Every structure is written in structure tokens, then in C-alpha cells.
Protein backbone atom coordinates (compact mmCIF):
# COMPACT_ATOMS: atom_id res chain seq x y z
CA MET A 1 33.65 -21.10 6.65
CA ILE A 2 32.54 -24.46 8.16
CA GLU A 3 34.79 -26.78 10.19
CA ILE A 4 33.87 -30.40 10.83
CA LEU A 5 35.23 -33.16 13.07
CA ILE A 6 34.52 -36.77 12.04
CA VAL A 7 34.94 -39.38 14.77
CA ASP A 8 34.82 -42.83 13.16
CA ASP A 9 37.02 -45.93 12.77
CA ASN A 10 35.20 -47.56 9.86
CA ALA A 11 37.23 -47.15 6.66
CA LYS A 12 34.19 -47.35 4.36
CA LYS A 13 32.22 -44.77 6.33
CA ILE A 14 35.23 -42.46 6.54
CA LYS A 15 35.66 -42.66 2.75
CA ASP A 16 31.97 -41.86 2.18
CA LEU A 17 32.09 -38.95 4.61
CA ARG A 18 35.26 -37.62 2.95
CA ASN A 19 33.53 -37.68 -0.44
CA LEU A 20 30.57 -35.86 1.05
CA VAL A 21 32.47 -33.01 2.74
CA GLU A 22 35.05 -32.58 -0.02
CA GLY A 23 32.19 -31.85 -2.43
CA ILE A 24 31.11 -28.81 -0.39
CA PRO A 25 33.51 -25.87 -1.00
CA GLU A 26 32.31 -23.94 2.05
CA ILE A 27 33.80 -26.62 4.32
CA THR A 28 37.21 -25.10 4.97
CA THR A 29 38.48 -27.77 7.37
CA TYR A 30 37.60 -31.32 8.32
CA ASP A 31 39.54 -33.50 10.75
CA ILE A 32 39.20 -37.22 11.33
CA ALA A 33 39.69 -39.02 14.64
CA SER A 34 39.52 -42.83 14.83
CA ASP A 35 39.24 -43.09 18.62
CA VAL A 36 38.04 -41.15 21.66
CA VAL A 37 41.52 -40.06 22.79
CA THR A 38 42.32 -38.46 19.42
CA ALA A 39 38.90 -36.81 19.29
CA ASN A 40 39.50 -35.28 22.73
CA ALA A 41 42.85 -33.93 21.55
CA TYR A 42 41.19 -32.17 18.58
CA LEU A 43 38.46 -30.69 20.78
CA GLN A 44 41.00 -29.25 23.19
CA LYS A 45 42.50 -27.18 20.37
CA LYS A 46 39.66 -26.13 18.08
CA HIS A 47 35.99 -25.25 17.85
CA TYR A 48 33.99 -27.18 15.24
CA ASP A 49 30.70 -26.25 13.64
CA LEU A 50 29.70 -29.91 13.36
CA LEU A 51 30.73 -33.19 15.00
CA VAL A 52 29.80 -36.38 13.12
CA LEU A 53 30.12 -39.16 15.70
CA ASP A 54 30.11 -42.91 15.19
CA ILE A 55 28.72 -44.51 18.34
CA ASN A 56 30.74 -47.72 17.99
CA ILE A 57 34.34 -46.48 18.42
CA PRO A 58 37.47 -47.56 20.32
CA GLN A 59 38.72 -45.66 23.36
CA ARG A 60 42.26 -45.76 22.02
CA LEU A 61 43.77 -46.80 18.72
CA GLY A 62 43.90 -50.62 18.67
CA ASP A 63 41.17 -51.12 21.29
CA THR A 64 37.91 -52.91 20.55
CA PRO A 65 35.18 -50.54 19.30
CA LEU A 66 32.29 -50.34 21.77
CA PRO A 67 29.03 -48.37 21.56
CA GLN A 68 29.43 -47.35 25.21
CA ASN A 69 32.62 -45.45 24.25
CA GLY A 70 30.68 -43.21 21.88
CA LEU A 71 27.97 -42.61 24.43
CA ASP A 72 30.48 -41.79 27.20
CA PHE A 73 32.27 -39.43 24.83
CA LEU A 74 29.01 -37.66 24.05
CA ARG A 75 28.21 -37.26 27.74
CA SER A 76 31.70 -35.98 28.53
CA LEU A 77 31.23 -33.11 26.07
CA ASN A 78 28.48 -31.71 28.27
CA LYS A 79 30.59 -31.82 31.43
CA SER A 80 34.22 -31.26 30.46
CA LEU A 81 35.74 -27.80 30.81
CA ARG A 82 38.77 -28.82 28.77
CA LEU A 83 36.89 -29.60 25.58
CA THR A 84 35.53 -26.98 23.18
CA LYS A 85 31.96 -27.99 22.53
CA PRO A 86 30.95 -28.37 18.85
CA ALA A 87 28.03 -26.22 17.75
CA ASN A 88 26.11 -29.24 16.38
CA ILE A 89 26.35 -33.03 16.71
CA ILE A 90 25.10 -35.82 14.45
CA GLY A 91 25.40 -39.45 15.56
CA LEU A 92 25.94 -42.06 12.86
CA THR A 93 25.56 -45.82 13.26
CA GLU A 94 25.21 -48.76 10.91
CA PHE A 95 23.64 -51.02 13.55
CA ASP A 96 19.88 -51.06 14.08
CA GLU A 97 20.23 -52.09 17.73
CA ASN A 98 22.43 -49.02 18.46
CA LEU A 99 19.94 -46.77 16.68
CA VAL A 100 17.16 -47.96 18.97
CA LYS A 101 19.24 -48.19 22.16
CA PHE A 102 20.90 -44.77 22.05
CA GLN A 103 18.30 -42.65 20.29
CA VAL A 104 17.00 -41.35 23.63
CA ASP A 105 20.48 -40.22 24.74
CA PHE A 106 20.81 -38.08 21.63
CA GLN A 107 17.28 -36.72 21.88
CA LYS A 108 17.89 -35.53 25.45
CA SER A 109 20.22 -32.86 24.04
CA LEU A 110 18.22 -32.47 20.82
CA TRP A 111 21.00 -34.07 18.78
CA LEU A 112 20.29 -36.39 15.88
CA LEU A 113 21.24 -40.10 15.60
CA ILE A 114 20.83 -41.47 12.07
CA LYS A 115 21.34 -44.78 10.31
CA TYR A 116 24.31 -45.26 7.98
CA ASP A 117 23.01 -47.62 5.31
CA LEU A 118 24.79 -48.88 2.21
CA ALA A 119 21.42 -49.62 0.61
CA ASN A 120 20.35 -45.95 0.38
CA ASN A 121 21.74 -42.45 0.77
CA ASP A 122 19.20 -41.03 3.20
CA TRP A 123 21.95 -40.48 5.78
CA GLU A 124 23.97 -38.50 3.24
CA VAL A 125 21.00 -36.29 2.35
CA GLN A 126 20.36 -35.57 6.04
CA ILE A 127 23.97 -34.59 6.74
CA LYS A 128 24.10 -32.40 3.63
CA GLU A 129 20.92 -30.62 4.70
CA LYS A 130 22.42 -29.90 8.12
CA ILE A 131 25.69 -28.62 6.60
CA ASN A 132 23.85 -26.39 4.12
CA TYR A 133 21.81 -24.97 6.97
CA LEU A 134 24.99 -24.23 8.93
CA ILE A 135 26.55 -22.54 5.90
CA GLN A 136 23.55 -20.30 5.31
CA SER A 137 23.26 -19.52 9.01
CA LYS A 138 26.89 -18.44 9.18
CA ARG A 139 26.52 -16.35 6.02
CA ASP A 140 23.47 -14.62 7.46
CA LEU A 141 25.38 -13.93 10.67
CA LEU A 142 28.41 -12.47 8.89
CA ASN A 143 26.24 -10.31 6.62
CA SER A 144 23.62 -9.30 9.13
CA PRO A 145 23.07 -5.57 9.61
CA GLN A 146 22.67 -6.36 13.30
CA VAL A 147 26.31 -7.53 13.61
CA ALA A 148 28.01 -5.14 16.01
CA PHE A 149 30.90 -2.96 14.94
CA GLN A 150 34.13 -4.27 16.46
CA TYR A 151 36.45 -1.27 15.94
CA ASP A 152 35.91 2.47 15.85
CA LEU A 153 38.36 3.15 13.05
CA ALA A 154 40.24 1.22 10.36
CA ILE A 155 43.36 2.87 8.90
CA ILE A 156 44.69 1.75 5.53
CA THR A 157 47.88 2.82 3.76
CA ALA A 158 49.23 1.88 0.34
CA LEU A 159 52.61 0.60 1.54
CA ARG A 160 54.36 -0.27 4.78
CA HIS A 161 57.46 1.82 4.08
CA THR A 162 57.07 5.48 5.11
CA GLU A 163 53.25 5.60 5.12
CA PHE A 164 52.41 2.76 7.51
CA GLU A 165 55.54 3.43 9.53
CA SER A 166 54.12 6.89 10.25
CA VAL A 167 50.89 5.28 11.50
CA LEU A 168 52.81 2.94 13.80
CA ASN A 169 54.72 5.96 15.14
CA LEU A 170 51.43 7.34 16.49
CA ASP A 171 50.72 6.79 20.18
CA GLY A 172 48.52 3.75 19.64
CA HIS A 173 49.97 0.98 21.83
CA TRP A 174 50.09 -1.19 18.71
CA GLU A 175 50.00 -4.98 18.72
CA LEU A 176 50.38 -7.26 15.70
CA LYS A 177 47.32 -9.39 14.95
CA LYS A 178 47.39 -12.32 12.52
CA LEU A 179 44.34 -14.07 11.11
CA ALA A 180 44.17 -17.70 10.02
CA ASN A 181 44.29 -18.10 6.22
CA ASP A 182 45.22 -14.43 5.74
CA THR A 183 48.78 -13.28 5.00
CA SER A 184 48.11 -9.60 5.76
CA ASP A 185 49.56 -8.03 8.90
CA TYR A 186 46.99 -6.23 11.03
CA TYR A 187 47.75 -3.99 14.00
CA THR A 188 45.31 -3.26 16.79
CA GLY A 189 45.70 -0.07 18.79
CA THR A 190 43.97 2.57 20.87
CA PHE A 191 44.12 6.35 20.61
CA LYS A 192 43.50 8.02 23.97
CA SER A 193 42.86 11.58 25.10
CA GLY A 194 41.33 12.09 28.55
CA ASP A 195 38.21 9.94 28.69
CA ARG A 196 38.15 9.56 24.92
CA ILE A 197 39.31 6.13 23.63
CA VAL A 198 39.31 5.18 19.95
CA LYS A 199 39.72 1.49 19.12
CA VAL A 200 41.76 1.15 15.91
CA ILE A 201 42.65 -1.59 13.44
CA ALA A 202 45.30 -0.76 10.83
CA SER A 203 47.01 -2.42 7.89
CA PHE A 204 48.88 -1.74 4.66
CA ALA A 205 48.45 -3.08 1.14
CA PRO A 206 51.13 -5.30 -0.44
CA GLN A 207 51.51 -2.86 -3.33
CA MET A 208 50.30 0.50 -4.58
CA GLY A 209 47.17 0.84 -6.66
CA MET A 210 43.43 0.43 -6.61
CA VAL A 211 43.25 -3.36 -6.80
CA ALA A 212 45.44 -3.99 -3.75
CA SER A 213 43.75 -1.27 -1.70
CA SER A 214 40.22 -2.40 -2.52
CA VAL A 215 41.01 -6.01 -1.60
CA LEU A 216 42.57 -4.94 1.70
CA THR A 217 39.62 -2.66 2.47
CA MET A 218 37.15 -5.49 1.86
CA LYS A 219 39.17 -7.85 4.07
CA ILE A 220 39.53 -5.41 6.94
CA ILE A 221 35.80 -4.55 6.88
CA SER A 222 34.71 -8.20 6.75
CA SER A 223 37.10 -9.32 9.48
CA PHE A 224 36.93 -6.36 11.89
CA ARG A 225 33.74 -4.38 11.13
CA PRO A 226 35.02 -0.82 11.74
CA LYS A 227 32.66 2.12 12.16
CA TYR A 228 34.88 4.30 9.96
CA VAL A 229 37.48 3.54 7.29
CA ALA A 230 40.28 6.02 6.61
CA MET A 231 42.98 6.08 3.96
CA CYS A 232 46.12 8.02 4.81
CA GLY A 233 49.56 8.51 3.30
CA ILE A 234 51.11 10.57 0.53
CA SER A 235 49.84 11.97 -2.76
CA ALA A 236 50.56 14.53 -5.44
CA GLY A 237 49.19 18.04 -4.99
CA ILE A 238 48.33 20.70 -7.54
CA LYS A 239 51.15 23.14 -8.20
CA GLY A 240 50.22 26.59 -6.97
CA GLY A 241 47.24 25.24 -5.05
CA SER A 242 49.00 23.55 -2.13
CA ASN A 243 52.37 23.22 -0.43
CA PHE A 244 54.53 20.29 0.64
CA GLY A 245 53.00 18.47 3.59
CA ASP A 246 49.57 20.07 3.16
CA ILE A 247 46.65 17.79 3.97
CA LEU A 248 44.25 16.85 1.17
CA ILE A 249 40.71 15.77 2.08
CA ALA A 250 38.81 14.13 -0.78
CA ASP A 251 35.22 15.34 -0.76
CA LEU A 252 34.83 13.76 -4.19
CA SER A 253 36.80 10.75 -5.37
CA PHE A 254 36.92 9.40 -8.91
CA ASP A 255 38.89 7.02 -11.14
CA SER A 256 40.73 9.26 -13.59
CA GLY A 257 41.13 6.34 -16.01
CA SER A 258 37.40 5.71 -16.35
CA GLY A 259 36.18 6.49 -19.85
CA LYS A 260 36.62 5.59 -23.50
CA VAL A 261 39.68 5.60 -25.79
CA LYS A 262 38.84 6.19 -29.44
CA LYS A 263 40.35 7.48 -32.68
CA SER A 264 40.00 11.14 -33.55
CA THR A 265 39.26 12.33 -37.09
CA GLU A 266 43.02 12.83 -37.46
CA GLY A 267 43.65 9.19 -36.53
CA LYS A 268 45.03 9.93 -33.07
CA ASP A 269 43.99 8.13 -29.90
CA THR A 270 41.82 10.35 -27.73
CA PHE A 271 40.40 9.74 -24.27
CA GLU A 272 36.85 10.67 -23.33
CA PRO A 273 36.52 10.56 -19.53
CA ASP A 274 33.43 9.16 -17.83
CA TYR A 275 34.14 9.74 -14.17
CA LYS A 276 32.08 7.81 -11.62
CA VAL A 277 32.20 10.03 -8.55
CA LEU A 278 31.96 8.92 -4.91
CA ALA A 279 31.32 11.64 -2.35
CA LEU A 280 32.40 12.20 1.24
CA SER A 281 29.42 12.22 3.60
CA THR A 282 28.04 15.65 4.49
CA ASP A 283 28.66 15.13 8.21
CA LEU A 284 32.33 14.26 7.70
CA ARG A 285 32.80 17.13 5.25
CA ASP A 286 31.42 19.58 7.81
CA GLU A 287 33.86 18.29 10.44
CA PHE A 288 36.80 18.70 8.06
CA LEU A 289 35.66 22.21 7.15
CA SER A 290 35.70 23.11 10.83
CA CYS A 291 39.36 22.03 10.96
CA GLN A 292 40.30 24.43 8.18
CA GLY A 293 39.66 27.42 10.43
CA ASN A 294 41.47 25.93 13.44
CA ARG A 295 45.26 26.13 13.40
CA GLU A 296 45.66 24.26 16.70
CA TYR A 297 46.20 20.79 15.24
CA LEU A 298 48.12 22.02 12.23
CA ASP A 299 50.66 24.19 14.03
CA GLU A 300 51.29 21.50 16.63
CA ILE A 301 51.83 18.84 13.95
CA LYS A 302 54.35 20.94 12.04
CA ARG A 303 56.14 22.08 15.20
CA LYS A 304 56.73 18.50 16.34
CA TRP A 305 58.32 17.35 13.07
CA PRO A 306 61.97 16.77 14.10
CA SER A 307 63.65 17.24 10.71
CA ASP A 308 63.73 19.75 7.86
CA LYS A 309 60.30 21.12 6.94
CA PRO A 310 58.87 23.60 4.43
CA GLN A 311 58.73 27.28 5.36
CA THR A 312 55.02 27.48 4.52
CA ASP A 313 52.26 26.97 7.10
CA LEU A 314 50.63 23.56 7.12
CA GLY A 315 47.25 23.79 5.37
CA ILE A 316 44.11 21.74 4.67
CA HIS A 317 42.51 21.50 1.23
CA ILE A 318 39.10 19.94 0.62
CA GLY A 319 38.01 19.04 -2.89
CA PRO A 320 38.04 16.43 -5.68
CA LEU A 321 40.89 13.88 -5.62
CA ALA A 322 41.69 11.87 -8.75
CA THR A 323 42.77 8.24 -8.38
CA GLY A 324 44.72 6.69 -11.24
CA ALA A 325 46.49 3.47 -12.11
CA HIS A 326 49.95 4.97 -12.44
CA VAL A 327 52.37 7.45 -10.90
CA VAL A 328 52.06 10.81 -12.69
CA GLN A 329 55.12 12.88 -13.50
CA ASN A 330 53.65 14.98 -16.31
CA LEU A 331 51.80 18.27 -15.85
CA ASP A 332 49.99 17.78 -19.17
CA ILE A 333 48.14 14.83 -17.64
CA VAL A 334 47.31 16.89 -14.57
CA ASP A 335 46.00 19.72 -16.77
CA ASP A 336 43.87 17.25 -18.72
CA ILE A 337 42.26 15.89 -15.54
CA GLN A 338 41.74 19.44 -14.25
CA GLY A 339 39.91 20.22 -17.47
CA HIS A 340 37.16 17.88 -16.26
CA ALA A 341 37.53 18.53 -12.51
CA ARG A 342 38.24 22.24 -12.16
CA LYS A 343 38.66 22.23 -8.35
CA LEU A 344 41.02 19.23 -8.32
CA ILE A 345 43.26 19.21 -5.22
CA GLY A 346 45.46 16.21 -5.95
CA LEU A 347 46.15 12.78 -7.40
CA ASP A 348 46.79 9.40 -5.82
CA MET A 349 46.48 5.69 -6.66
CA GLU A 350 44.17 4.32 -3.95
CA THR A 351 41.47 6.63 -2.53
CA TYR A 352 38.71 5.82 -5.03
CA ALA A 353 39.22 2.09 -4.43
CA VAL A 354 38.87 2.48 -0.66
CA PHE A 355 35.71 4.61 -1.10
CA TYR A 356 34.25 2.07 -3.52
CA ALA A 357 34.98 -0.93 -1.31
CA ALA A 358 33.54 0.73 1.80
CA ASN A 359 30.38 1.70 -0.11
CA ASN A 360 29.87 -1.76 -1.65
CA CYS A 361 30.99 -4.20 1.05
CA THR A 362 28.76 -6.60 2.97
CA LYS A 363 26.66 -5.19 5.79
CA PRO A 364 27.06 -3.67 8.29
CA ARG A 365 28.88 -1.14 6.16
CA PRO A 366 31.07 1.49 7.84
CA LYS A 367 29.30 4.67 8.95
CA GLY A 368 31.77 6.67 6.92
CA VAL A 369 34.87 6.49 4.73
CA PHE A 370 37.37 9.27 4.15
CA SER A 371 40.85 9.95 2.82
CA VAL A 372 43.53 12.05 4.51
CA LYS A 373 46.51 12.32 2.15
CA SER A 374 49.39 14.82 2.29
CA VAL A 375 51.30 16.47 -0.53
CA CYS A 376 54.77 15.06 -1.24
CA ASP A 377 55.16 16.30 -4.84
CA PHE A 378 53.29 18.03 -7.66
CA ALA A 379 53.27 15.31 -10.36
CA ASP A 380 55.84 17.19 -12.46
CA SER A 381 59.38 16.59 -13.71
CA THR A 382 60.88 17.74 -10.37
CA LYS A 383 59.12 14.90 -8.53
CA ASN A 384 61.39 13.40 -5.83
CA ASP A 385 61.29 11.81 -2.36
CA THR A 386 62.43 14.85 -0.36
CA TYR A 387 59.16 15.42 1.48
CA GLN A 388 57.71 11.90 1.48
CA LYS A 389 58.40 11.24 5.17
CA TYR A 390 57.17 14.68 6.20
CA ALA A 391 53.97 14.24 4.17
CA ALA A 392 53.35 10.77 5.60
CA TYR A 393 53.88 12.22 9.08
CA THR A 394 51.44 15.14 8.62
CA SER A 395 48.81 12.81 7.15
CA ALA A 396 49.00 10.25 9.98
CA ASN A 397 49.11 12.86 12.73
CA PHE A 398 46.22 14.90 11.37
CA LEU A 399 44.19 11.68 11.18
CA TYR A 400 45.11 10.94 14.81
CA HIS A 401 43.84 14.35 15.99
CA PHE A 402 40.75 14.15 13.80
CA ALA A 403 39.80 10.71 15.15
CA LEU A 404 40.18 11.83 18.75
CA ASN A 405 38.42 15.17 18.41
CA LYS A 406 35.94 15.04 15.53
CA LEU A 407 34.68 11.56 14.74
CA ASN A 408 31.31 10.57 16.18
CA PHE A 409 31.39 6.92 17.25
CA GLU A 410 27.94 6.86 18.86
């Protein structure tokens, strides 16, 4: 969170400063320069939240330390276009004469020059107070409801293969974006139609399931602040209620494994569900309902699929979607879930986690979260991969049309 540059050539002071900063976990990086030249090299590459500057330093390694070098370095920060200016500066000196002589130069820019003294730890307390202030200030900034949204839409899929590939096949002018200290791959893109432009950030989880999807959702919200978060990809439908490739919109999402396992009177393990339901916003639900009566998107999506496709028309189903911790290939399990969610439209392994993360993340929270999954099987013994690519395609392309034509980014 906080990055610090220490410019000092005194081994004892450097050791004390190391001990200080290494005891504060929010300090993610600290660099040490023993001369002006090295300090300049660091400042050409990186922005620091705090510079701790010893006045009495050498110009180059091996030169005699001089207080004028520290003062000239401080002045150059205000003028140089090559150096990235630190957000805050604290001067540190062990000599009383330097404290008196250069105090005015620091005060001109409202920086602080303090005395390093082996006899007491006042200097350490002062630096800690400044660092703690910077930490809290940055936390407040990151969590402020006034922080502007950076992207219109975040798209999340469970896996790269098939699902995320279908997203990257959309006309989005995608570019890979990497973040420091984050191994996830993010892709920035734009959806365009006439004057309408949707700014998109997209990524995929490293594995299927609620844990991976919730972590990714939290990361993408914290790092990119999207107005909307959407989950897309493939899922199981309900046999007789939908067809291969049909689009499932979760108006209610719940964890199908939430509940209690206990012994029945016959000694058998029984499961008593206790579903915690998260709902799609009314505004988004109304927009999806309007799509049900409009075949324009659906017919175009199916027509453009270049390979084998089902004979049935592409449809939209809006209703409860169950999220579980495992792949289901047993209609008895589906029937059991339906017994507690009569209008169930499908099952997946991620949607509830994405809903939960988007509803419980730091502010500003997304304006809305929704799931657009497409049917690739019916969670029965005939489950296979025949329609996975088609389902991933219909899901991604319906999301593309919905974002361009229905989402309100104002």
C-alpha cells in the first residue's frame, strides 16, 4: 500500500529505519539509496509515498557526505521533469547545526526536518505518525464512495478455456493488462455501436467454483471499480424447461449447499437446506424481461454461429439459479433442489459467489451485478461437452448486445 524511499549513507540510521518500516505491514516496498545519483535513479522509475532524506549525503558513492548535497537534491525535486516527485518528504539529520541551518529550506515547501537522536526515539515516533497517516489516507481514498468508477462493465468467467475465449472473440479491441503483485490476467476492451461506447475490463478465474470466482470478483472491483459486474459462461439447465444454448438470467441466486446435515430417525444423513438468496435488481430484471419478447438479438446470435447448432430457437429464461460446490450429473440432486426452489432454471458453480462479492465489496460498489449463463447440459447421465462452445458463444454474445443496448451507465 505504502512505498518509501530512504536516502541515507549512515549504517546505524539505515538499520534503525529498516527496523521501523519492516514493523509496519502496510509498507509494501522500501528502497534505500546511499547517494544522490542512486536516489535520482530510483525517482526516475517509481513514485513514492514518502521520502526520508538525510541532509548530509554524498553526491556519488565514495564521495564525501556534504549537507549541501541533500539541500541541492531537495531543490532539484521541485524543478526536475525527469524525477517523479514523492508525495511527502521528511528530512532527517543527527547534527544540530544542520537542523538550525536548513530548517527554513524545508519549511518553505511545508516539509519537515527532524533530529535523529540516539538518546531518545522522538524521531521514530514522528515518522511512524506520518506513515500511519499516509496509510489511513490511502485506505480512505480507496474505500471512498466518491471514488469514480473506472470501467462501465466487468466480465468474469470461471475458466479461460471455452468461456473466456468466447469473450475475447467479441469485438472488443482487447488488450492484456497486468497489475503489479497480481498474477491474474486482465483484458481491457471497448464495445462500440454508433455513438455508444462501453468500457470493459474482463478476466477469468484460475479454477471453477465459488471461492475462486469470489476472490477474482473482489480483485477486479477493487482494482478497476466497474459500474456493473457480469458473470457469463456455461451452466446446466433444467430438462424440459430449456434447450441447449438457451440463456439463463439469475433473478435469484443461492448457494445450494447452504444448510444443515443431520441424522434422520432411521440413522441416515439428511440435508436441511437454508438458502441465503441474493436478488437481481429490479431495474436489471425489467431490462432482461424486455429482451424475452424481442427475437432480434437471439435470432442474430444463433444465425451467426458457424458450426452445428440445435434445431430449437434460442430462448431466454429468467428465474432462480442454484450455485453449488460440485459438478452435478444426477437428476435426483436436481429434483431435490427444485423441491425447495420450484421455478429453478439451472445450476452452476460461480454465480452466487459473484453476487455475494459485488454486494459486500468495499465502496463504491457496482451499480448492479448479473449473471448471463447458457445451457450446455442438463445435469444428468448424458452430460457431455457437445454444446459447451455453442453455449459459451450464446452467453458472451447476448451479454455483448445487452451491454450495448440495455445497460444504463449514467
